Amino acid sequence: MSEEKEIREEVTENTEMAENKESVEETVETIDPCEVLKKENEELKAQVGELKNAYAKAYADTENMKKRLEKDFETRSRYQMASFAKELLPVLDNCERALAQATTDDAYRKGVEMIYSQLQNALIKEEITEIEALNQPFDGNWHQALMSEEKEGIESGIVIEVLQKGYKIKDRILRPAMVKVSA
């Protein structure tokens, strides 16, 4: 009986193996190589699309950074004289004070005038100019009010006296004009 049982088990195993072999062969036969290639092609196309998007983003980031750096460089080069010019403004003020003093020495006066003229020309060359203030409406961006005074015939908020000249470099303020404003 045990021999019979062993034979049955062997037959059952062989039958199961044969069935599995047939199903594997059927599976192998049902896989179409064209389908595999199409699927692989679609996956590769998706990868290419992702890589193109990543490239486009990286390129855009690079271009934006390039523009930002160019703008920063332009701004720095445009206003590089600002710090130095601020240091020169007191010298310019002192030249004006010296010229305002009465002196009998013409050579001294002429020397101060020449220095003052050269200094003004150097500032103008770098687009450093005086801020117009006298008889202008008060503007807190360009003027600093130190005093106010009521004056007949002048409306309120007009600069009536410049106590210290203000200067700008191109469109940026170096020093505000210190002024007296009508009340």
N, C-alpha and C. Protein backbone atom coordinates (compact mmCIF):
# COMPACT_ATOMS: atom_id res chain seq x y z
N MET A 1 0.81 -1.16 0.00
CA MET A 1 0.00 0.00 0.00
C MET A 1 0.87 1.26 0.00
N SER A 2 1.87 1.28 0.67
CA SER A 2 2.71 2.44 0.72
C SER A 2 3.39 2.67 -0.62
N GLU A 3 3.67 1.61 -1.35
CA GLU A 3 4.21 1.77 -2.69
C GLU A 3 3.21 2.43 -3.59
N GLU A 4 2.01 2.03 -3.47
CA GLU A 4 0.92 2.61 -4.26
C GLU A 4 0.78 4.09 -3.95
N LYS A 5 0.87 4.38 -2.68
CA LYS A 5 0.72 5.77 -2.25
C LYS A 5 1.87 6.60 -2.81
N GLU A 6 3.06 6.09 -2.80
CA GLU A 6 4.22 6.80 -3.33
C GLU A 6 4.07 7.01 -4.81
N ILE A 7 3.58 6.03 -5.50
CA ILE A 7 3.39 6.14 -6.95
C ILE A 7 2.36 7.22 -7.23
N ARG A 8 1.29 7.22 -6.48
CA ARG A 8 0.25 8.24 -6.68
C ARG A 8 0.82 9.65 -6.44
N GLU A 9 1.61 9.76 -5.41
CA GLU A 9 2.19 11.07 -5.11
C GLU A 9 3.12 11.50 -6.24
N GLU A 10 3.89 10.57 -6.78
CA GLU A 10 4.77 10.89 -7.89
C GLU A 10 3.99 11.30 -9.10
N VAL A 11 2.93 10.59 -9.38
CA VAL A 11 2.09 10.91 -10.54
C VAL A 11 1.48 12.29 -10.34
N THR A 12 1.01 12.56 -9.13
CA THR A 12 0.39 13.86 -8.83
C THR A 12 1.43 14.98 -9.00
N GLU A 13 2.62 14.73 -8.50
CA GLU A 13 3.68 15.73 -8.61
C GLU A 13 4.03 15.96 -10.07
N ASN A 14 4.17 14.88 -10.83
CA ASN A 14 4.51 15.00 -12.25
C ASN A 14 3.42 15.75 -12.99
N THR A 15 2.19 15.48 -12.64
CA THR A 15 1.07 16.15 -13.30
C THR A 15 1.10 17.64 -12.98
N GLU A 16 1.32 17.94 -11.71
CA GLU A 16 1.37 19.36 -11.30
C GLU A 16 2.53 20.07 -11.99
N MET A 17 3.68 19.40 -12.11
CA MET A 17 4.83 19.99 -12.77
C MET A 17 4.54 20.23 -14.24
N ALA A 18 3.89 19.29 -14.85
CA ALA A 18 3.56 19.43 -16.26
C ALA A 18 2.60 20.60 -16.45
N GLU A 19 1.62 20.73 -15.57
CA GLU A 19 0.66 21.83 -15.66
C GLU A 19 1.35 23.17 -15.46
N ASN A 20 2.25 23.22 -14.46
CA ASN A 20 3.00 24.46 -14.20
C ASN A 20 3.87 24.83 -15.39
N LYS A 21 4.50 23.79 -16.01
CA LYS A 21 5.35 24.02 -17.16
C LYS A 21 4.53 24.58 -18.31
N GLU A 22 3.35 24.03 -18.51
CA GLU A 22 2.47 24.51 -19.58
C GLU A 22 2.04 25.95 -19.32
N SER A 23 1.71 26.27 -18.05
CA SER A 23 1.26 27.64 -17.76
C SER A 23 2.41 28.63 -17.92
N VAL A 24 3.66 28.21 -17.56
CA VAL A 24 4.82 29.07 -17.75
C VAL A 24 5.05 29.28 -19.23
N GLU A 25 4.94 28.21 -20.02
CA GLU A 25 5.13 28.32 -21.45
C GLU A 25 4.07 29.23 -22.05
N GLU A 26 2.84 29.10 -21.56
CA GLU A 26 1.77 29.96 -22.05
C GLU A 26 2.08 31.42 -21.72
N THR A 27 2.59 31.65 -20.50
CA THR A 27 2.92 33.01 -20.07
C THR A 27 4.03 33.57 -20.94
N VAL A 28 5.06 32.76 -21.19
CA VAL A 28 6.16 33.20 -22.02
C VAL A 28 5.66 33.49 -23.42
N GLU A 29 4.80 32.66 -23.91
CA GLU A 29 4.29 32.85 -25.26
C GLU A 29 3.39 34.07 -25.34
N THR A 30 2.66 34.40 -24.28
CA THR A 30 1.73 35.53 -24.35
C THR A 30 2.45 36.88 -24.24
N ILE A 31 3.68 36.93 -23.72
CA ILE A 31 4.42 38.19 -23.66
C ILE A 31 4.93 38.50 -25.05
N ASP A 32 4.41 39.60 -25.57
CA ASP A 32 4.78 40.03 -26.92
C ASP A 32 6.00 40.96 -26.82
N PRO A 33 7.07 40.68 -27.55
CA PRO A 33 8.26 41.53 -27.48
C PRO A 33 7.97 42.98 -27.89
N CYS A 34 7.05 43.19 -28.79
CA CYS A 34 6.69 44.55 -29.22
C CYS A 34 6.08 45.33 -28.05
N GLU A 35 5.25 44.64 -27.28
CA GLU A 35 4.62 45.28 -26.12
C GLU A 35 5.67 45.69 -25.10
N VAL A 36 6.64 44.80 -24.89
CA VAL A 36 7.72 45.10 -23.94
C VAL A 36 8.48 46.33 -24.41
N LEU A 37 8.81 46.38 -25.70
CA LEU A 37 9.55 47.51 -26.24
C LEU A 37 8.73 48.80 -26.18
N LYS A 38 7.43 48.69 -26.46
CA LYS A 38 6.56 49.87 -26.38
C LYS A 38 6.53 50.42 -24.96
N LYS A 39 6.39 49.52 -24.00
CA LYS A 39 6.34 49.93 -22.60
C LYS A 39 7.67 50.59 -22.20
N GLU A 40 8.76 49.98 -22.61
CA GLU A 40 10.08 50.52 -22.31
C GLU A 40 10.26 51.89 -22.97
N ASN A 41 9.77 52.02 -24.20
CA ASN A 41 9.84 53.28 -24.94
C ASN A 41 9.05 54.38 -24.21
N GLU A 42 7.87 54.04 -23.73
CA GLU A 42 7.05 55.02 -23.00
C GLU A 42 7.75 55.46 -21.71
N GLU A 43 8.36 54.51 -21.02
CA GLU A 43 9.09 54.85 -19.80
C GLU A 43 10.26 55.78 -20.10
N LEU A 44 10.97 55.49 -21.20
CA LEU A 44 12.09 56.33 -21.58
C LEU A 44 11.63 57.73 -22.00
N LYS A 45 10.50 57.79 -22.70
CA LYS A 45 9.95 59.10 -23.07
C LYS A 45 9.58 59.91 -21.83
N ALA A 46 9.01 59.24 -20.84
CA ALA A 46 8.66 59.93 -19.59
C ALA A 46 9.92 60.45 -18.90
N GLN A 47 10.98 59.64 -18.90
CA GLN A 47 12.25 60.08 -18.29
C GLN A 47 12.82 61.27 -19.04
N VAL A 48 12.76 61.21 -20.38
CA VAL A 48 13.26 62.32 -21.20
C VAL A 48 12.48 63.59 -20.88
N GLY A 49 11.17 63.48 -20.75
CA GLY A 49 10.34 64.63 -20.40
C GLY A 49 10.72 65.22 -19.05
N GLU A 50 10.94 64.35 -18.08
CA GLU A 50 11.35 64.81 -16.74
C GLU A 50 12.70 65.51 -16.80
N LEU A 51 13.63 64.94 -17.57
CA LEU A 51 14.96 65.54 -17.69
C LEU A 51 14.90 66.88 -18.41
N LYS A 52 14.04 66.98 -19.43
CA LYS A 52 13.87 68.26 -20.13
C LYS A 52 13.33 69.32 -19.18
N ASN A 53 12.36 68.95 -18.35
CA ASN A 53 11.80 69.90 -17.38
C ASN A 53 12.87 70.33 -16.38
N ALA A 54 13.65 69.37 -15.89
CA ALA A 54 14.71 69.69 -14.94
C ALA A 54 15.74 70.62 -15.57
N TYR A 55 16.08 70.36 -16.84
CA TYR A 55 17.03 71.21 -17.56
C TYR A 55 16.46 72.62 -17.72
N ALA A 56 15.19 72.71 -18.11
CA ALA A 56 14.57 74.03 -18.30
C ALA A 56 14.57 74.83 -17.00
N LYS A 57 14.27 74.16 -15.89
CA LYS A 57 14.27 74.84 -14.59
C LYS A 57 15.68 75.31 -14.23
N ALA A 58 16.66 74.45 -14.43
CA ALA A 58 18.05 74.80 -14.11
C ALA A 58 18.53 75.95 -14.99
N TYR A 59 18.16 75.92 -16.26
CA TYR A 59 18.54 76.99 -17.19
C TYR A 59 17.90 78.31 -16.77
N ALA A 60 16.62 78.27 -16.43
CA ALA A 60 15.91 79.48 -15.99
C ALA A 60 16.54 80.03 -14.71
N ASP A 61 16.87 79.15 -13.77
CA ASP A 61 17.52 79.59 -12.53
C ASP A 61 18.86 80.26 -12.82
N THR A 62 19.62 79.67 -13.73
CA THR A 62 20.92 80.23 -14.10
C THR A 62 20.76 81.60 -14.75
N GLU A 63 19.80 81.73 -15.65
CA GLU A 63 19.56 83.01 -16.31
C GLU A 63 19.12 84.07 -15.30
N ASN A 64 18.25 83.69 -14.37
CA ASN A 64 17.80 84.64 -13.34
C ASN A 64 18.97 85.09 -12.47
N MET A 65 19.82 84.15 -12.10
CA MET A 65 20.98 84.50 -11.28
C MET A 65 21.92 85.42 -12.06
N LYS A 66 22.10 85.14 -13.33
CA LYS A 66 22.97 85.95 -14.18
C LYS A 66 22.44 87.38 -14.25
N LYS A 67 21.13 87.53 -14.45
CA LYS A 67 20.52 88.87 -14.51
C LYS A 67 20.66 89.59 -13.17
N ARG A 68 20.44 88.85 -12.08
CA ARG A 68 20.54 89.45 -10.75
C ARG A 68 21.97 89.93 -10.49
N LEU A 69 22.97 89.13 -10.87
CA LEU A 69 24.37 89.51 -10.67
C LEU A 69 24.75 90.72 -11.53
N GLU A 70 24.25 90.74 -12.77
CA GLU A 70 24.53 91.88 -13.65
C GLU A 70 23.92 93.16 -13.08
N LYS A 71 22.70 93.05 -12.58
CA LYS A 71 22.03 94.22 -12.00
C LYS A 71 22.78 94.69 -10.75
N ASP A 72 23.22 93.75 -9.92
CA ASP A 72 23.96 94.09 -8.71
C ASP A 72 25.28 94.76 -9.07
N PHE A 73 25.97 94.23 -10.08
CA PHE A 73 27.23 94.83 -10.52
C PHE A 73 27.01 96.23 -11.05
N GLU A 74 25.96 96.40 -11.84
CA GLU A 74 25.64 97.72 -12.40
C GLU A 74 25.35 98.72 -11.29
N THR A 75 24.57 98.30 -10.30
CA THR A 75 24.24 99.18 -9.18
C THR A 75 25.49 99.55 -8.39
N ARG A 76 26.33 98.57 -8.12
CA ARG A 76 27.56 98.85 -7.36
C ARG A 76 28.49 99.78 -8.12
N SER A 77 28.66 99.54 -9.41
CA SER A 77 29.57 100.39 -10.17
C SER A 77 28.98 101.79 -10.34
N ARG A 78 27.66 101.88 -10.40
CA ARG A 78 27.00 103.17 -10.58
C ARG A 78 27.16 104.05 -9.34
N TYR A 79 27.16 103.43 -8.17
CA TYR A 79 27.20 104.20 -6.93
C TYR A 79 28.50 104.00 -6.13
N GLN A 80 29.55 103.54 -6.79
CA GLN A 80 30.79 103.27 -6.07
C GLN A 80 31.42 104.53 -5.49
N MET A 81 31.14 105.67 -6.06
CA MET A 81 31.72 106.92 -5.59
C MET A 81 30.98 107.50 -4.39
N ALA A 82 29.83 106.96 -4.03
CA ALA A 82 28.99 107.56 -2.99
C ALA A 82 29.72 107.72 -1.67
N SER A 83 30.40 106.71 -1.22
CA SER A 83 31.10 106.76 0.06
C SER A 83 32.20 107.83 0.04
N PHE A 84 32.98 107.84 -1.02
CA PHE A 84 34.06 108.82 -1.14
C PHE A 84 33.50 110.23 -1.25
N ALA A 85 32.42 110.37 -2.00
CA ALA A 85 31.81 111.69 -2.18
C ALA A 85 31.29 112.25 -0.86
N LYS A 86 30.73 111.40 -0.01
CA LYS A 86 30.26 111.86 1.31
C LYS A 86 31.40 112.45 2.11
N GLU A 87 32.59 111.87 1.97
CA GLU A 87 33.76 112.39 2.69
C GLU A 87 34.23 113.73 2.12
N LEU A 88 33.96 113.98 0.83
CA LEU A 88 34.39 115.23 0.20
C LEU A 88 33.44 116.39 0.48
N LEU A 89 32.20 116.11 0.83
CA LEU A 89 31.22 117.19 1.01
C LEU A 89 31.64 118.21 2.07
N PRO A 90 32.18 117.81 3.22
CA PRO A 90 32.64 118.82 4.18
C PRO A 90 33.77 119.71 3.61
N VAL A 91 34.61 119.15 2.75
CA VAL A 91 35.67 119.93 2.11
C VAL A 91 35.04 120.98 1.21
N LEU A 92 34.04 120.59 0.46
CA LEU A 92 33.32 121.52 -0.41
C LEU A 92 32.66 122.62 0.42
N ASP A 93 32.03 122.23 1.54
CA ASP A 93 31.41 123.22 2.43
C ASP A 93 32.44 124.22 2.95
N ASN A 94 33.62 123.73 3.34
CA ASN A 94 34.66 124.62 3.86
C ASN A 94 35.20 125.56 2.79
N CYS A 95 35.27 125.09 1.56
CA CYS A 95 35.68 125.97 0.45
C CYS A 95 34.66 127.09 0.28
N GLU A 96 33.38 126.76 0.36
CA GLU A 96 32.33 127.78 0.23
C GLU A 96 32.42 128.78 1.38
N ARG A 97 32.68 128.30 2.59
CA ARG A 97 32.82 129.21 3.74
C ARG A 97 34.03 130.14 3.55
N ALA A 98 35.12 129.58 3.06
CA ALA A 98 36.32 130.39 2.83
C ALA A 98 36.06 131.46 1.78
N LEU A 99 35.31 131.11 0.74
CA LEU A 99 34.98 132.09 -0.30
C LEU A 99 34.02 133.16 0.21
N ALA A 100 33.20 132.81 1.17
CA ALA A 100 32.23 133.77 1.71
C ALA A 100 32.89 134.81 2.61
N GLN A 101 34.08 134.53 3.11
CA GLN A 101 34.80 135.45 3.99
C GLN A 101 35.48 136.55 3.17
N ALA A 102 35.41 137.74 3.70
CA ALA A 102 36.06 138.87 3.04
C ALA A 102 37.56 138.76 3.30
N THR A 103 38.33 138.96 2.25
CA THR A 103 39.79 138.93 2.38
C THR A 103 40.41 139.96 1.46
N THR A 104 41.51 140.48 1.86
CA THR A 104 42.22 141.46 1.03
C THR A 104 43.29 140.79 0.18
N ASP A 105 43.57 139.53 0.46
CA ASP A 105 44.60 138.79 -0.27
C ASP A 105 43.97 138.13 -1.49
N ASP A 106 44.18 138.74 -2.65
CA ASP A 106 43.58 138.23 -3.89
C ASP A 106 44.17 136.88 -4.31
N ALA A 107 45.43 136.66 -4.05
CA ALA A 107 46.06 135.39 -4.43
C ALA A 107 45.45 134.24 -3.62
N TYR A 108 45.22 134.50 -2.34
CA TYR A 108 44.58 133.49 -1.48
C TYR A 108 43.18 133.17 -2.00
N ARG A 109 42.41 134.22 -2.28
CA ARG A 109 41.04 134.04 -2.76
C ARG A 109 41.03 133.28 -4.09
N LYS A 110 41.93 133.65 -4.99
CA LYS A 110 41.99 132.99 -6.30
C LYS A 110 42.36 131.51 -6.13
N GLY A 111 43.26 131.20 -5.22
CA GLY A 111 43.65 129.81 -4.97
C GLY A 111 42.48 128.98 -4.45
N VAL A 112 41.71 129.55 -3.51
CA VAL A 112 40.54 128.84 -2.97
C VAL A 112 39.50 128.65 -4.06
N GLU A 113 39.30 129.68 -4.90
CA GLU A 113 38.33 129.57 -6.02
C GLU A 113 38.73 128.46 -6.98
N MET A 114 40.02 128.33 -7.26
CA MET A 114 40.49 127.28 -8.17
C MET A 114 40.25 125.89 -7.56
N ILE A 115 40.56 125.74 -6.28
CA ILE A 115 40.34 124.45 -5.61
C ILE A 115 38.85 124.11 -5.62
N TYR A 116 38.03 125.11 -5.29
CA TYR A 116 36.58 124.91 -5.25
C TYR A 116 36.05 124.51 -6.63
N SER A 117 36.52 125.19 -7.66
CA SER A 117 36.09 124.91 -9.03
C SER A 117 36.50 123.50 -9.46
N GLN A 118 37.73 123.12 -9.16
CA GLN A 118 38.19 121.77 -9.52
C GLN A 118 37.40 120.70 -8.79
N LEU A 119 37.13 120.94 -7.52
CA LEU A 119 36.35 119.99 -6.73
C LEU A 119 34.94 119.85 -7.29
N GLN A 120 34.31 120.98 -7.63
CA GLN A 120 32.97 120.93 -8.21
C GLN A 120 32.97 120.17 -9.54
N ASN A 121 33.95 120.42 -10.38
CA ASN A 121 34.03 119.74 -11.68
C ASN A 121 34.21 118.23 -11.51
N ALA A 122 35.03 117.84 -10.53
CA ALA A 122 35.23 116.40 -10.27
C ALA A 122 33.92 115.76 -9.81
N LEU A 123 33.16 116.45 -8.97
CA LEU A 123 31.88 115.91 -8.51
C LEU A 123 30.87 115.82 -9.65
N ILE A 124 30.82 116.84 -10.47
CA ILE A 124 29.88 116.84 -11.61
C ILE A 124 30.22 115.70 -12.57
N LYS A 125 31.52 115.46 -12.77
CA LYS A 125 31.95 114.36 -13.64
C LYS A 125 31.40 113.02 -13.16
N GLU A 126 31.28 112.84 -11.85
CA GLU A 126 30.73 111.61 -11.27
C GLU A 126 29.23 111.70 -11.03
N GLU A 127 28.60 112.71 -11.63
CA GLU A 127 27.15 112.94 -11.54
C GLU A 127 26.69 113.18 -10.10
N ILE A 128 27.52 113.90 -9.37
CA ILE A 128 27.17 114.32 -8.01
C ILE A 128 26.75 115.78 -8.11
N THR A 129 25.50 116.04 -7.80
CA THR A 129 24.95 117.38 -7.97
C THR A 129 24.27 117.87 -6.71
N GLU A 130 24.12 119.20 -6.66
CA GLU A 130 23.46 119.84 -5.53
C GLU A 130 21.95 119.61 -5.64
N ILE A 131 21.31 119.44 -4.50
CA ILE A 131 19.85 119.28 -4.45
C ILE A 131 19.23 120.68 -4.46
N GLU A 132 18.35 120.92 -5.41
CA GLU A 132 17.63 122.19 -5.45
C GLU A 132 16.71 122.27 -4.24
N ALA A 133 16.83 123.34 -3.47
CA ALA A 133 16.01 123.42 -2.27
C ALA A 133 15.33 124.78 -2.11
N LEU A 134 16.05 125.87 -2.31
CA LEU A 134 15.52 127.21 -2.05
C LEU A 134 14.28 127.48 -2.91
N ASN A 135 13.23 127.95 -2.25
CA ASN A 135 11.94 128.29 -2.87
C ASN A 135 11.21 127.08 -3.46
N GLN A 136 11.62 125.91 -3.06
CA GLN A 136 10.97 124.67 -3.51
C GLN A 136 10.05 124.17 -2.40
N PRO A 137 9.00 123.41 -2.76
CA PRO A 137 8.18 122.79 -1.71
C PRO A 137 9.04 121.81 -0.90
N PHE A 138 8.83 121.78 0.40
CA PHE A 138 9.58 120.88 1.27
C PHE A 138 9.29 119.43 0.89
N ASP A 139 10.35 118.63 0.73
CA ASP A 139 10.23 117.20 0.43
C ASP A 139 11.13 116.45 1.41
N GLY A 140 10.51 115.69 2.29
CA GLY A 140 11.24 114.96 3.32
C GLY A 140 12.25 113.97 2.77
N ASN A 141 12.13 113.60 1.51
CA ASN A 141 13.10 112.69 0.89
C ASN A 141 14.42 113.39 0.59
N TRP A 142 14.36 114.69 0.29
CA TRP A 142 15.53 115.44 -0.14
C TRP A 142 15.95 116.52 0.86
N HIS A 143 15.03 116.92 1.74
CA HIS A 143 15.30 118.01 2.67
C HIS A 143 15.15 117.55 4.11
N GLN A 144 15.91 118.20 4.99
CA GLN A 144 15.76 117.96 6.42
C GLN A 144 15.46 119.32 7.05
N ALA A 145 14.24 119.45 7.59
CA ALA A 145 13.82 120.73 8.18
C ALA A 145 14.43 120.87 9.57
N LEU A 146 15.18 121.96 9.76
CA LEU A 146 15.76 122.24 11.07
C LEU A 146 14.98 123.32 11.80
N MET A 147 14.34 124.19 11.03
CA MET A 147 13.56 125.29 11.61
C MET A 147 12.35 125.57 10.73
N SER A 148 11.39 126.25 11.33
CA SER A 148 10.27 126.76 10.55
C SER A 148 10.02 128.19 10.99
N GLU A 149 9.55 128.97 10.06
CA GLU A 149 9.32 130.39 10.34
C GLU A 149 8.15 130.86 9.50
N GLU A 150 7.31 131.69 10.12
CA GLU A 150 6.17 132.24 9.38
C GLU A 150 6.65 133.46 8.62
N LYS A 151 6.37 133.51 7.32
CA LYS A 151 6.75 134.65 6.48
C LYS A 151 5.56 135.09 5.68
N GLU A 152 5.34 136.39 5.65
CA GLU A 152 4.21 136.94 4.90
C GLU A 152 4.44 136.75 3.40
N GLY A 153 3.37 136.39 2.71
CA GLY A 153 3.42 136.26 1.27
C GLY A 153 3.98 134.93 0.78
N ILE A 154 4.40 134.07 1.68
CA ILE A 154 4.93 132.76 1.28
C ILE A 154 4.05 131.69 1.91
N GLU A 155 3.58 130.81 1.07
CA GLU A 155 2.69 129.76 1.58
C GLU A 155 3.47 128.77 2.45
N SER A 156 2.74 128.03 3.23
CA SER A 156 3.33 127.07 4.16
C SER A 156 3.98 125.90 3.41
N GLY A 157 5.10 125.44 3.95
CA GLY A 157 5.76 124.26 3.39
C GLY A 157 6.76 124.56 2.30
N ILE A 158 7.16 125.82 2.14
CA ILE A 158 8.16 126.20 1.13
C ILE A 158 9.50 126.42 1.83
N VAL A 159 10.58 125.97 1.22
CA VAL A 159 11.92 126.17 1.77
C VAL A 159 12.29 127.64 1.58
N ILE A 160 12.55 128.32 2.71
CA ILE A 160 12.87 129.75 2.63
C ILE A 160 14.36 130.04 2.86
N GLU A 161 15.09 129.06 3.37
CA GLU A 161 16.53 129.24 3.56
C GLU A 161 17.22 127.88 3.59
N VAL A 162 18.38 127.82 2.95
CA VAL A 162 19.19 126.59 2.96
C VAL A 162 20.32 126.81 3.96
N LEU A 163 20.33 126.01 5.01
CA LEU A 163 21.36 126.13 6.04
C LEU A 163 22.60 125.32 5.69
N GLN A 164 22.41 124.20 5.02
CA GLN A 164 23.53 123.39 4.51
C GLN A 164 23.05 122.72 3.23
N LYS A 165 23.85 122.84 2.18
CA LYS A 165 23.46 122.27 0.89
C LYS A 165 23.37 120.74 0.98
N GLY A 166 22.44 120.21 0.20
CA GLY A 166 22.32 118.77 0.08
C GLY A 166 22.85 118.32 -1.27
N TYR A 167 23.26 117.06 -1.35
CA TYR A 167 23.82 116.54 -2.60
C TYR A 167 23.26 115.16 -2.90
N LYS A 168 23.23 114.86 -4.20
CA LYS A 168 22.78 113.54 -4.64
C LYS A 168 23.76 113.01 -5.67
N ILE A 169 23.84 111.69 -5.77
CA ILE A 169 24.64 111.04 -6.81
C ILE A 169 23.64 110.32 -7.70
N LYS A 170 23.59 110.78 -8.94
CA LYS A 170 22.59 110.30 -9.90
C LYS A 170 21.20 110.50 -9.30
N ASP A 171 20.53 109.44 -8.91
CA ASP A 171 19.17 109.58 -8.35
C ASP A 171 19.11 109.20 -6.88
N ARG A 172 20.27 109.07 -6.23
CA ARG A 172 20.33 108.69 -4.82
C ARG A 172 20.87 109.84 -3.98
N ILE A 173 20.31 109.96 -2.80
CA ILE A 173 20.72 111.05 -1.92
C ILE A 173 22.04 110.71 -1.21
N LEU A 174 22.95 111.72 -1.19
CA LEU A 174 24.19 111.58 -0.42
C LEU A 174 24.01 112.24 0.94
N ARG A 175 23.45 113.45 0.90
CA ARG A 175 23.21 114.20 2.12
C ARG A 175 22.00 115.09 1.87
N PRO A 176 21.01 115.06 2.75
CA PRO A 176 19.84 115.92 2.55
C PRO A 176 20.20 117.39 2.79
N ALA A 177 19.48 118.27 2.13
CA ALA A 177 19.67 119.70 2.35
C ALA A 177 19.03 120.06 3.69
N MET A 178 19.77 120.75 4.53
CA MET A 178 19.23 121.19 5.82
C MET A 178 18.63 122.57 5.60
N VAL A 179 17.34 122.69 5.90
CA VAL A 179 16.61 123.88 5.48
C VAL A 179 15.73 124.48 6.58
N LYS A 180 15.32 125.74 6.32
CA LYS A 180 14.31 126.42 7.12
C LYS A 180 13.06 126.47 6.24
N VAL A 181 11.93 126.10 6.82
CA VAL A 181 10.68 125.98 6.05
C VAL A 181 9.68 127.01 6.54
N SER A 182 8.89 127.55 5.60
CA SER A 182 7.83 128.49 5.98
C SER A 182 6.71 127.74 6.68
N ALA A 183 6.18 128.39 7.72
CA ALA A 183 5.11 127.75 8.50
C ALA A 183 3.75 128.27 8.09
